Amino acid sequence: MDLETRVALIGILVENREETTKLNSILHEYSAYIIGRMGIPYPKKGISIISVAVDAPQDVISALSGKIGRLPGISAKTAYSKI
């Protein structure tokens, strides 16, 4: 991996379950950069909450988050470490 990587956490809210196949495909495409992933279903509200920890160059993190956020019914926000 590139020496100029950053650690970030991408928070994903899935409100449209029909898009999960596309979401998983995107995450698989970037699997080389993924440190870990945790999914929490929240049936009471009909959503799922996913956190994805990544170590990647800034542009890769932005591309990943952007692709996820463009899926209908799915939102993504990224928090970066200061390291």
PDB file of N, CA and C in Angstrom:
ATOM      1  N   MET A   1       0.827  -1.194   0.000  1.00  0.00           N
ATOM      2  CA  MET A   1       0.000   0.000   0.000  1.00  0.00           C
ATOM      3  C   MET A   1       0.871   1.258   0.000  1.00  0.00           C
ATOM      4  N   ASP A   2       0.284   2.300  -0.440  1.00  0.00           N
ATOM      5  CA  ASP A   2       0.942   3.596  -0.482  1.00  0.00           C
ATOM      6  C   ASP A   2       1.346   4.019   0.927  1.00  0.00           C
ATOM      7  N   LEU A   3       2.530   4.628   1.050  1.00  0.00           N
ATOM      8  CA  LEU A   3       2.982   5.104   2.356  1.00  0.00           C
ATOM      9  C   LEU A   3       2.135   6.259   2.864  1.00  0.00           C
ATOM     10  N   GLU A   4       1.523   6.999   1.953  1.00  0.00           N
ATOM     11  CA  GLU A   4       0.708   8.157   2.332  1.00  0.00           C
ATOM     12  C   GLU A   4      -0.755   7.751   2.506  1.00  0.00           C
ATOM     13  N   THR A   5      -1.009   6.879   3.463  1.00  0.00           N
ATOM     14  CA  THR A   5      -2.392   6.462   3.707  1.00  0.00           C
ATOM     15  C   THR A   5      -2.914   7.124   4.970  1.00  0.00           C
ATOM     16  N   ARG A   6      -4.229   7.101   5.093  1.00  0.00           N
ATOM     17  CA  ARG A   6      -4.881   7.627   6.290  1.00  0.00           C
ATOM     18  C   ARG A   6      -5.835   6.572   6.817  1.00  0.00           C
ATOM     19  N   VAL A   7      -6.038   6.597   8.101  1.00  0.00           N
ATOM     20  CA  VAL A   7      -7.024   5.716   8.716  1.00  0.00           C
ATOM     21  C   VAL A   7      -8.309   6.516   8.856  1.00  0.00           C
ATOM     22  N   ALA A   8      -9.403   5.901   8.457  1.00  0.00           N
ATOM     23  CA  ALA A   8     -10.692   6.583   8.515  1.00  0.00           C
ATOM     24  C   ALA A   8     -11.784   5.591   8.870  1.00  0.00           C
ATOM     25  N   LEU A   9     -12.894   6.137   9.337  1.00  0.00           N
ATOM     26  CA  LEU A   9     -14.073   5.342   9.645  1.00  0.00           C
ATOM     27  C   LEU A   9     -15.218   5.875   8.792  1.00  0.00           C
ATOM     28  N   ILE A  10     -15.802   4.990   8.010  1.00  0.00           N
ATOM     29  CA  ILE A  10     -16.951   5.374   7.187  1.00  0.00           C
ATOM     30  C   ILE A  10     -18.201   4.839   7.868  1.00  0.00           C
ATOM     31  N   GLY A  11     -19.082   5.743   8.254  1.00  0.00           N
ATOM     32  CA  GLY A  11     -20.360   5.377   8.854  1.00  0.00           C
ATOM     33  C   GLY A  11     -21.416   5.324   7.765  1.00  0.00           C
ATOM     34  N   ILE A  12     -22.121   4.214   7.672  1.00  0.00           N
ATOM     35  CA  ILE A  12     -23.101   4.000   6.605  1.00  0.00           C
ATOM     36  C   ILE A  12     -24.465   3.698   7.220  1.00  0.00           C
ATOM     37  N   LEU A  13     -25.488   4.402   6.749  1.00  0.00           N
ATOM     38  CA  LEU A  13     -26.864   4.133   7.155  1.00  0.00           C
ATOM     39  C   LEU A  13     -27.605   3.574   5.948  1.00  0.00           C
ATOM     40  N   VAL A  14     -28.137   2.382   6.097  1.00  0.00           N
ATOM     41  CA  VAL A  14     -28.858   1.727   5.012  1.00  0.00           C
ATOM     42  C   VAL A  14     -30.356   1.805   5.312  1.00  0.00           C
ATOM     43  N   GLU A  15     -31.060   2.617   4.545  1.00  0.00           N
ATOM     44  CA  GLU A  15     -32.511   2.740   4.694  1.00  0.00           C
ATOM     45  C   GLU A  15     -33.244   1.984   3.589  1.00  0.00           C
ATOM     46  N   ASN A  16     -32.528   1.624   2.513  1.00  0.00           N
ATOM     47  CA  ASN A  16     -33.096   0.906   1.386  1.00  0.00           C
ATOM     48  C   ASN A  16     -32.359  -0.419   1.231  1.00  0.00           C
ATOM     49  N   ARG A  17     -32.922  -1.479   1.777  1.00  0.00           N
ATOM     50  CA  ARG A  17     -32.265  -2.792   1.771  1.00  0.00           C
ATOM     51  C   ARG A  17     -32.065  -3.339   0.356  1.00  0.00           C
ATOM     52  N   GLU A  18     -32.824  -2.862  -0.599  1.00  0.00           N
ATOM     53  CA  GLU A  18     -32.694  -3.341  -1.980  1.00  0.00           C
ATOM     54  C   GLU A  18     -31.336  -2.971  -2.584  1.00  0.00           C
ATOM     55  N   GLU A  19     -30.635  -2.042  -1.977  1.00  0.00           N
ATOM     56  CA  GLU A  19     -29.338  -1.591  -2.490  1.00  0.00           C
ATOM     57  C   GLU A  19     -28.153  -2.299  -1.830  1.00  0.00           C
ATOM     58  N   THR A  20     -28.416  -3.241  -0.926  1.00  0.00           N
ATOM     59  CA  THR A  20     -27.307  -3.869  -0.194  1.00  0.00           C
ATOM     60  C   THR A  20     -26.395  -4.700  -1.090  1.00  0.00           C
ATOM     61  N   THR A  21     -26.927  -5.286  -2.154  1.00  0.00           N
ATOM     62  CA  THR A  21     -26.074  -6.042  -3.077  1.00  0.00           C
ATOM     63  C   THR A  21     -25.059  -5.108  -3.724  1.00  0.00           C
ATOM     64  N   LYS A  22     -25.516  -3.931  -4.151  1.00  0.00           N
ATOM     65  CA  LYS A  22     -24.612  -2.948  -4.757  1.00  0.00           C
ATOM     66  C   LYS A  22     -23.606  -2.444  -3.721  1.00  0.00           C
ATOM     67  N   LEU A  23     -24.073  -2.210  -2.499  1.00  0.00           N
ATOM     68  CA  LEU A  23     -23.188  -1.753  -1.429  1.00  0.00           C
ATOM     69  C   LEU A  23     -22.088  -2.791  -1.176  1.00  0.00           C
ATOM     70  N   ASN A  24     -22.465  -4.045  -1.041  1.00  0.00           N
ATOM     71  CA  ASN A  24     -21.480  -5.095  -0.786  1.00  0.00           C
ATOM     72  C   ASN A  24     -20.501  -5.245  -1.948  1.00  0.00           C
ATOM     73  N   SER A  25     -20.966  -5.022  -3.155  1.00  0.00           N
ATOM     74  CA  SER A  25     -20.094  -5.080  -4.326  1.00  0.00           C
ATOM     75  C   SER A  25     -19.034  -3.968  -4.266  1.00  0.00           C
ATOM     76  N   ILE A  26     -19.452  -2.780  -3.873  1.00  0.00           N
ATOM     77  CA  ILE A  26     -18.516  -1.651  -3.738  1.00  0.00           C
ATOM     78  C   ILE A  26     -17.503  -1.953  -2.639  1.00  0.00           C
ATOM     79  N   LEU A  27     -17.974  -2.441  -1.505  1.00  0.00           N
ATOM     80  CA  LEU A  27     -17.061  -2.759  -0.404  1.00  0.00           C
ATOM     81  C   LEU A  27     -16.078  -3.855  -0.814  1.00  0.00           C
ATOM     82  N   HIS A  28     -16.535  -4.825  -1.579  1.00  0.00           N
ATOM     83  CA  HIS A  28     -15.636  -5.875  -2.054  1.00  0.00           C
ATOM     84  C   HIS A  28     -14.567  -5.301  -2.989  1.00  0.00           C
ATOM     85  N   GLU A  29     -14.971  -4.349  -3.826  1.00  0.00           N
ATOM     86  CA  GLU A  29     -14.040  -3.695  -4.751  1.00  0.00           C
ATOM     87  C   GLU A  29     -12.887  -3.013  -4.003  1.00  0.00           C
ATOM     88  N   TYR A  30     -13.168  -2.508  -2.803  1.00  0.00           N
ATOM     89  CA  TYR A  30     -12.165  -1.793  -2.001  1.00  0.00           C
ATOM     90  C   TYR A  30     -11.649  -2.635  -0.833  1.00  0.00           C
ATOM     91  N   SER A  31     -11.848  -3.944  -0.875  1.00  0.00           N
ATOM     92  CA  SER A  31     -11.516  -4.808   0.263  1.00  0.00           C
ATOM     93  C   SER A  31     -10.040  -4.769   0.653  1.00  0.00           C
ATOM     94  N   ALA A  32      -9.158  -4.451  -0.273  1.00  0.00           N
ATOM     95  CA  ALA A  32      -7.725  -4.388   0.052  1.00  0.00           C
ATOM     96  C   ALA A  32      -7.421  -3.286   1.065  1.00  0.00           C
ATOM     97  N   TYR A  33      -8.300  -2.300   1.171  1.00  0.00           N
ATOM     98  CA  TYR A  33      -8.084  -1.165   2.073  1.00  0.00           C
ATOM     99  C   TYR A  33      -8.871  -1.279   3.382  1.00  0.00           C
ATOM    100  N   ILE A  34      -9.768  -2.250   3.464  1.00  0.00           N
ATOM    101  CA  ILE A  34     -10.654  -2.360   4.627  1.00  0.00           C
ATOM    102  C   ILE A  34      -9.952  -3.096   5.767  1.00  0.00           C
ATOM    103  N   ILE A  35      -9.887  -2.431   6.917  1.00  0.00           N
ATOM    104  CA  ILE A  35      -9.312  -3.019   8.131  1.00  0.00           C
ATOM    105  C   ILE A  35     -10.347  -3.926   8.794  1.00  0.00           C
ATOM    106  N   GLY A  36     -11.578  -3.441   8.889  1.00  0.00           N
ATOM    107  CA  GLY A  36     -12.643  -4.197   9.527  1.00  0.00           C
ATOM    108  C   GLY A  36     -13.987  -3.555   9.262  1.00  0.00           C
ATOM    109  N   ARG A  37     -15.015  -4.327   9.546  1.00  0.00           N
ATOM    110  CA  ARG A  37     -16.377  -3.880   9.239  1.00  0.00           C
ATOM    111  C   ARG A  37     -17.320  -4.431  10.295  1.00  0.00           C
ATOM    112  N   MET A  38     -18.289  -3.608  10.705  1.00  0.00           N
ATOM    113  CA  MET A  38     -19.279  -4.066  11.676  1.00  0.00           C
ATOM    114  C   MET A  38     -20.654  -3.595  11.216  1.00  0.00           C
ATOM    115  N   GLY A  39     -21.598  -4.518  11.156  1.00  0.00           N
ATOM    116  CA  GLY A  39     -22.957  -4.174  10.769  1.00  0.00           C
ATOM    117  C   GLY A  39     -23.911  -4.414  11.916  1.00  0.00           C
ATOM    118  N   ILE A  40     -24.818  -3.474  12.109  1.00  0.00           N
ATOM    119  CA  ILE A  40     -25.802  -3.587  13.180  1.00  0.00           C
ATOM    120  C   ILE A  40     -27.192  -3.379  12.586  1.00  0.00           C
ATOM    121  N   PRO A  41     -27.997  -4.433  12.521  1.00  0.00           N
ATOM    122  CA  PRO A  41     -29.369  -4.240  12.064  1.00  0.00           C
ATOM    123  C   PRO A  41     -30.184  -3.555  13.155  1.00  0.00           C
ATOM    124  N   TYR A  42     -31.084  -2.684  12.757  1.00  0.00           N
ATOM    125  CA  TYR A  42     -31.949  -2.005  13.725  1.00  0.00           C
ATOM    126  C   TYR A  42     -33.393  -2.133  13.236  1.00  0.00           C
ATOM    127  N   PRO A  43     -33.987  -3.320  13.453  1.00  0.00           N
ATOM    128  CA  PRO A  43     -35.321  -3.588  12.917  1.00  0.00           C
ATOM    129  C   PRO A  43     -36.396  -2.613  13.396  1.00  0.00           C
ATOM    130  N   LYS A  44     -36.246  -2.083  14.596  1.00  0.00           N
ATOM    131  CA  LYS A  44     -37.241  -1.153  15.135  1.00  0.00           C
ATOM    132  C   LYS A  44     -37.459   0.034  14.196  1.00  0.00           C
ATOM    133  N   LYS A  45     -36.381   0.481  13.560  1.00  0.00           N
ATOM    134  CA  LYS A  45     -36.467   1.606  12.633  1.00  0.00           C
ATOM    135  C   LYS A  45     -36.378   1.172  11.170  1.00  0.00           C
ATOM    136  N   GLY A  46     -36.155  -0.122  10.942  1.00  0.00           N
ATOM    137  CA  GLY A  46     -36.075  -0.634   9.576  1.00  0.00           C
ATOM    138  C   GLY A  46     -34.809  -0.220   8.837  1.00  0.00           C
ATOM    139  N   ILE A  47     -33.731  -0.023   9.582  1.00  0.00           N
ATOM    140  CA  ILE A  47     -32.465   0.378   8.970  1.00  0.00           C
ATOM    141  C   ILE A  47     -31.331  -0.538   9.437  1.00  0.00           C
ATOM    142  N   SER A  48     -30.201  -0.394   8.778  1.00  0.00           N
ATOM    143  CA  SER A  48     -28.975  -1.055   9.224  1.00  0.00           C
ATOM    144  C   SER A  48     -27.893   0.009   9.346  1.00  0.00           C
ATOM    145  N   ILE A  49     -27.027  -0.176  10.320  1.00  0.00           N
ATOM    146  CA  ILE A  49     -25.927   0.744  10.564  1.00  0.00           C
ATOM    147  C   ILE A  49     -24.641  -0.042  10.359  1.00  0.00           C
ATOM    148  N   ILE A  50     -23.784   0.464   9.487  1.00  0.00           N
ATOM    149  CA  ILE A  50     -22.533  -0.228   9.187  1.00  0.00           C
ATOM    150  C   ILE A  50     -21.376   0.722   9.410  1.00  0.00           C
ATOM    151  N   SER A  51     -20.347   0.250  10.080  1.00  0.00           N
ATOM    152  CA  SER A  51     -19.119   1.034  10.196  1.00  0.00           C
ATOM    153  C   SER A  51     -18.003   0.257   9.507  1.00  0.00           C
ATOM    154  N   VAL A  52     -17.227   0.977   8.714  1.00  0.00           N
ATOM    155  CA  VAL A  52     -16.136   0.367   7.959  1.00  0.00           C
ATOM    156  C   VAL A  52     -14.861   1.140   8.263  1.00  0.00           C
ATOM    157  N   ALA A  53     -13.871   0.471   8.843  1.00  0.00           N
ATOM    158  CA  ALA A  53     -12.574   1.085   9.114  1.00  0.00           C
ATOM    159  C   ALA A  53     -11.661   0.812   7.923  1.00  0.00           C
ATOM    160  N   VAL A  54     -11.009   1.868   7.425  1.00  0.00           N
ATOM    161  CA  VAL A  54     -10.139   1.730   6.255  1.00  0.00           C
ATOM    162  C   VAL A  54      -8.784   2.382   6.507  1.00  0.00           C
ATOM    163  N   ASP A  55      -7.786   1.898   5.786  1.00  0.00           N
ATOM    164  CA  ASP A  55      -6.449   2.491   5.762  1.00  0.00           C
ATOM    165  C   ASP A  55      -6.098   2.607   4.286  1.00  0.00           C
ATOM    166  N   ALA A  56      -6.177   3.828   3.759  1.00  0.00           N
ATOM    167  CA  ALA A  56      -6.049   4.016   2.316  1.00  0.00           C
ATOM    168  C   ALA A  56      -5.622   5.444   2.013  1.00  0.00           C
ATOM    169  N   PRO A  57      -5.163   5.691   0.778  1.00  0.00           N
ATOM    170  CA  PRO A  57      -4.891   7.070   0.368  1.00  0.00           C
ATOM    171  C   PRO A  57      -6.178   7.896   0.413  1.00  0.00           C
ATOM    172  N   GLN A  58      -6.033   9.173   0.661  1.00  0.00           N
ATOM    173  CA  GLN A  58      -7.178  10.087   0.779  1.00  0.00           C
ATOM    174  C   GLN A  58      -8.141   9.970  -0.406  1.00  0.00           C
ATOM    175  N   ASP A  59      -7.617   9.922  -1.621  1.00  0.00           N
ATOM    176  CA  ASP A  59      -8.497   9.880  -2.791  1.00  0.00           C
ATOM    177  C   ASP A  59      -9.275   8.576  -2.880  1.00  0.00           C
ATOM    178  N   VAL A  60      -8.703   7.485  -2.413  1.00  0.00           N
ATOM    179  CA  VAL A  60      -9.401   6.200  -2.408  1.00  0.00           C
ATOM    180  C   VAL A  60     -10.543   6.232  -1.396  1.00  0.00           C
ATOM    181  N   ILE A  61     -10.288   6.795  -0.220  1.00  0.00           N
ATOM    182  CA  ILE A  61     -11.333   6.902   0.808  1.00  0.00           C
ATOM    183  C   ILE A  61     -12.478   7.770   0.294  1.00  0.00           C
ATOM    184  N   SER A  62     -12.151   8.884  -0.326  1.00  0.00           N
ATOM    185  CA  SER A  62     -13.184   9.782  -0.864  1.00  0.00           C
ATOM    186  C   SER A  62     -13.999   9.095  -1.950  1.00  0.00           C
ATOM    187  N   ALA A  63     -13.329   8.357  -2.830  1.00  0.00           N
ATOM    188  CA  ALA A  63     -14.032   7.646  -3.903  1.00  0.00           C
ATOM    189  C   ALA A  63     -14.973   6.591  -3.328  1.00  0.00           C
ATOM    190  N   LEU A  64     -14.493   5.832  -2.355  1.00  0.00           N
ATOM    191  CA  LEU A  64     -15.311   4.797  -1.723  1.00  0.00           C
ATOM    192  C   LEU A  64     -16.544   5.408  -1.062  1.00  0.00           C
ATOM    193  N   SER A  65     -16.342   6.417  -0.253  1.00  0.00           N
ATOM    194  CA  SER A  65     -17.449   7.060   0.441  1.00  0.00           C
ATOM    195  C   SER A  65     -18.436   7.679  -0.551  1.00  0.00           C
ATOM    196  N   GLY A  66     -17.912   8.284  -1.603  1.00  0.00           N
ATOM    197  CA  GLY A  66     -18.768   8.893  -2.618  1.00  0.00           C
ATOM    198  C   GLY A  66     -19.622   7.875  -3.346  1.00  0.00           C
ATOM    199  N   LYS A  67     -19.026   6.750  -3.722  1.00  0.00           N
ATOM    200  CA  LYS A  67     -19.780   5.697  -4.412  1.00  0.00           C
ATOM    201  C   LYS A  67     -20.894   5.160  -3.525  1.00  0.00           C
ATOM    202  N   ILE A  68     -20.581   4.968  -2.256  1.00  0.00           N
ATOM    203  CA  ILE A  68     -21.595   4.466  -1.319  1.00  0.00           C
ATOM    204  C   ILE A  68     -22.714   5.483  -1.154  1.00  0.00           C
ATOM    205  N   GLY A  69     -22.346   6.744  -0.968  1.00  0.00           N
ATOM    206  CA  GLY A  69     -23.330   7.795  -0.732  1.00  0.00           C
ATOM    207  C   GLY A  69     -24.243   8.064  -1.917  1.00  0.00           C
ATOM    208  N   ARG A  70     -23.834   7.663  -3.120  1.00  0.00           N
ATOM    209  CA  ARG A  70     -24.680   7.868  -4.308  1.00  0.00           C
ATOM    210  C   ARG A  70     -25.726   6.772  -4.487  1.00  0.00           C
ATOM    211  N   LEU A  71     -25.641   5.712  -3.702  1.00  0.00           N
ATOM    212  CA  LEU A  71     -26.658   4.666  -3.781  1.00  0.00           C
ATOM    213  C   LEU A  71     -27.961   5.193  -3.183  1.00  0.00           C
ATOM    214  N   PRO A  72     -29.096   4.949  -3.845  1.00  0.00           N
ATOM    215  CA  PRO A  72     -30.376   5.435  -3.319  1.00  0.00           C
ATOM    216  C   PRO A  72     -30.713   4.806  -1.968  1.00  0.00           C
ATOM    217  N   GLY A  73     -31.067   5.632  -1.003  1.00  0.00           N
ATOM    218  CA  GLY A  73     -31.459   5.129   0.309  1.00  0.00           C
ATOM    219  C   GLY A  73     -30.303   4.736   1.204  1.00  0.00           C
ATOM    220  N   ILE A  74     -29.091   5.121   0.810  1.00  0.00           N
ATOM    221  CA  ILE A  74     -27.910   4.826   1.621  1.00  0.00           C
ATOM    222  C   ILE A  74     -27.106   6.111   1.781  1.00  0.00           C
ATOM    223  N   SER A  75     -26.706   6.407   3.004  1.00  0.00           N
ATOM    224  CA  SER A  75     -25.882   7.601   3.237  1.00  0.00           C
ATOM    225  C   SER A  75     -24.583   7.184   3.907  1.00  0.00           C
ATOM    226  N   ALA A  76     -23.545   7.977   3.651  1.00  0.00           N
ATOM    227  CA  ALA A  76     -22.229   7.672   4.211  1.00  0.00           C
ATOM    228  C   ALA A  76     -21.539   8.959   4.641  1.00  0.00           C
ATOM    229  N   LYS A  77     -20.892   8.898   5.779  1.00  0.00           N
ATOM    230  CA  LYS A  77     -20.080  10.007   6.288  1.00  0.00           C
ATOM    231  C   LYS A  77     -18.752   9.432   6.739  1.00  0.00           C
ATOM    232  N   THR A  78     -17.700  10.211   6.548  1.00  0.00           N
ATOM    233  CA  THR A  78     -16.357   9.723   6.861  1.00  0.00           C
ATOM    234  C   THR A  78     -15.712  10.585   7.926  1.00  0.00           C
ATOM    235  N   ALA A  79     -15.079   9.924   8.890  1.00  0.00           N
ATOM    236  CA  ALA A  79     -14.283  10.598   9.915  1.00  0.00           C
ATOM    237  C   ALA A  79     -12.848  10.117   9.756  1.00  0.00           C
ATOM    238  N   TYR A  80     -11.906  11.065   9.697  1.00  0.00           N
ATOM    239  CA  TYR A  80     -10.501  10.742   9.481  1.00  0.00           C
ATOM    240  C   TYR A  80      -9.705  10.856  10.780  1.00  0.00           C
ATOM    241  N   SER A  81      -8.723   9.962  10.920  1.00  0.00           N
ATOM    242  CA  SER A  81      -7.811  10.080  12.050  1.00  0.00           C
ATOM    243  C   SER A  81      -6.864  11.238  11.767  1.00  0.00           C
ATOM    244  N   LYS A  82      -6.228  11.751  12.785  1.00  0.00           N
ATOM    245  CA  LYS A  82      -5.271  12.840  12.615  1.00  0.00           C
ATOM    246  C   LYS A  82      -3.887  12.310  12.253  1.00  0.00           C
ATOM    247  N   ILE A  83      -3.736  10.990  12.266  1.00  0.00           N
ATOM    248  CA  ILE A  83      -2.440  10.366  11.958  1.00  0.00           C
ATOM    249  C   ILE A  83      -2.237  10.313  10.452  1.00  0.00           C
TER     250      ILE A  83
END
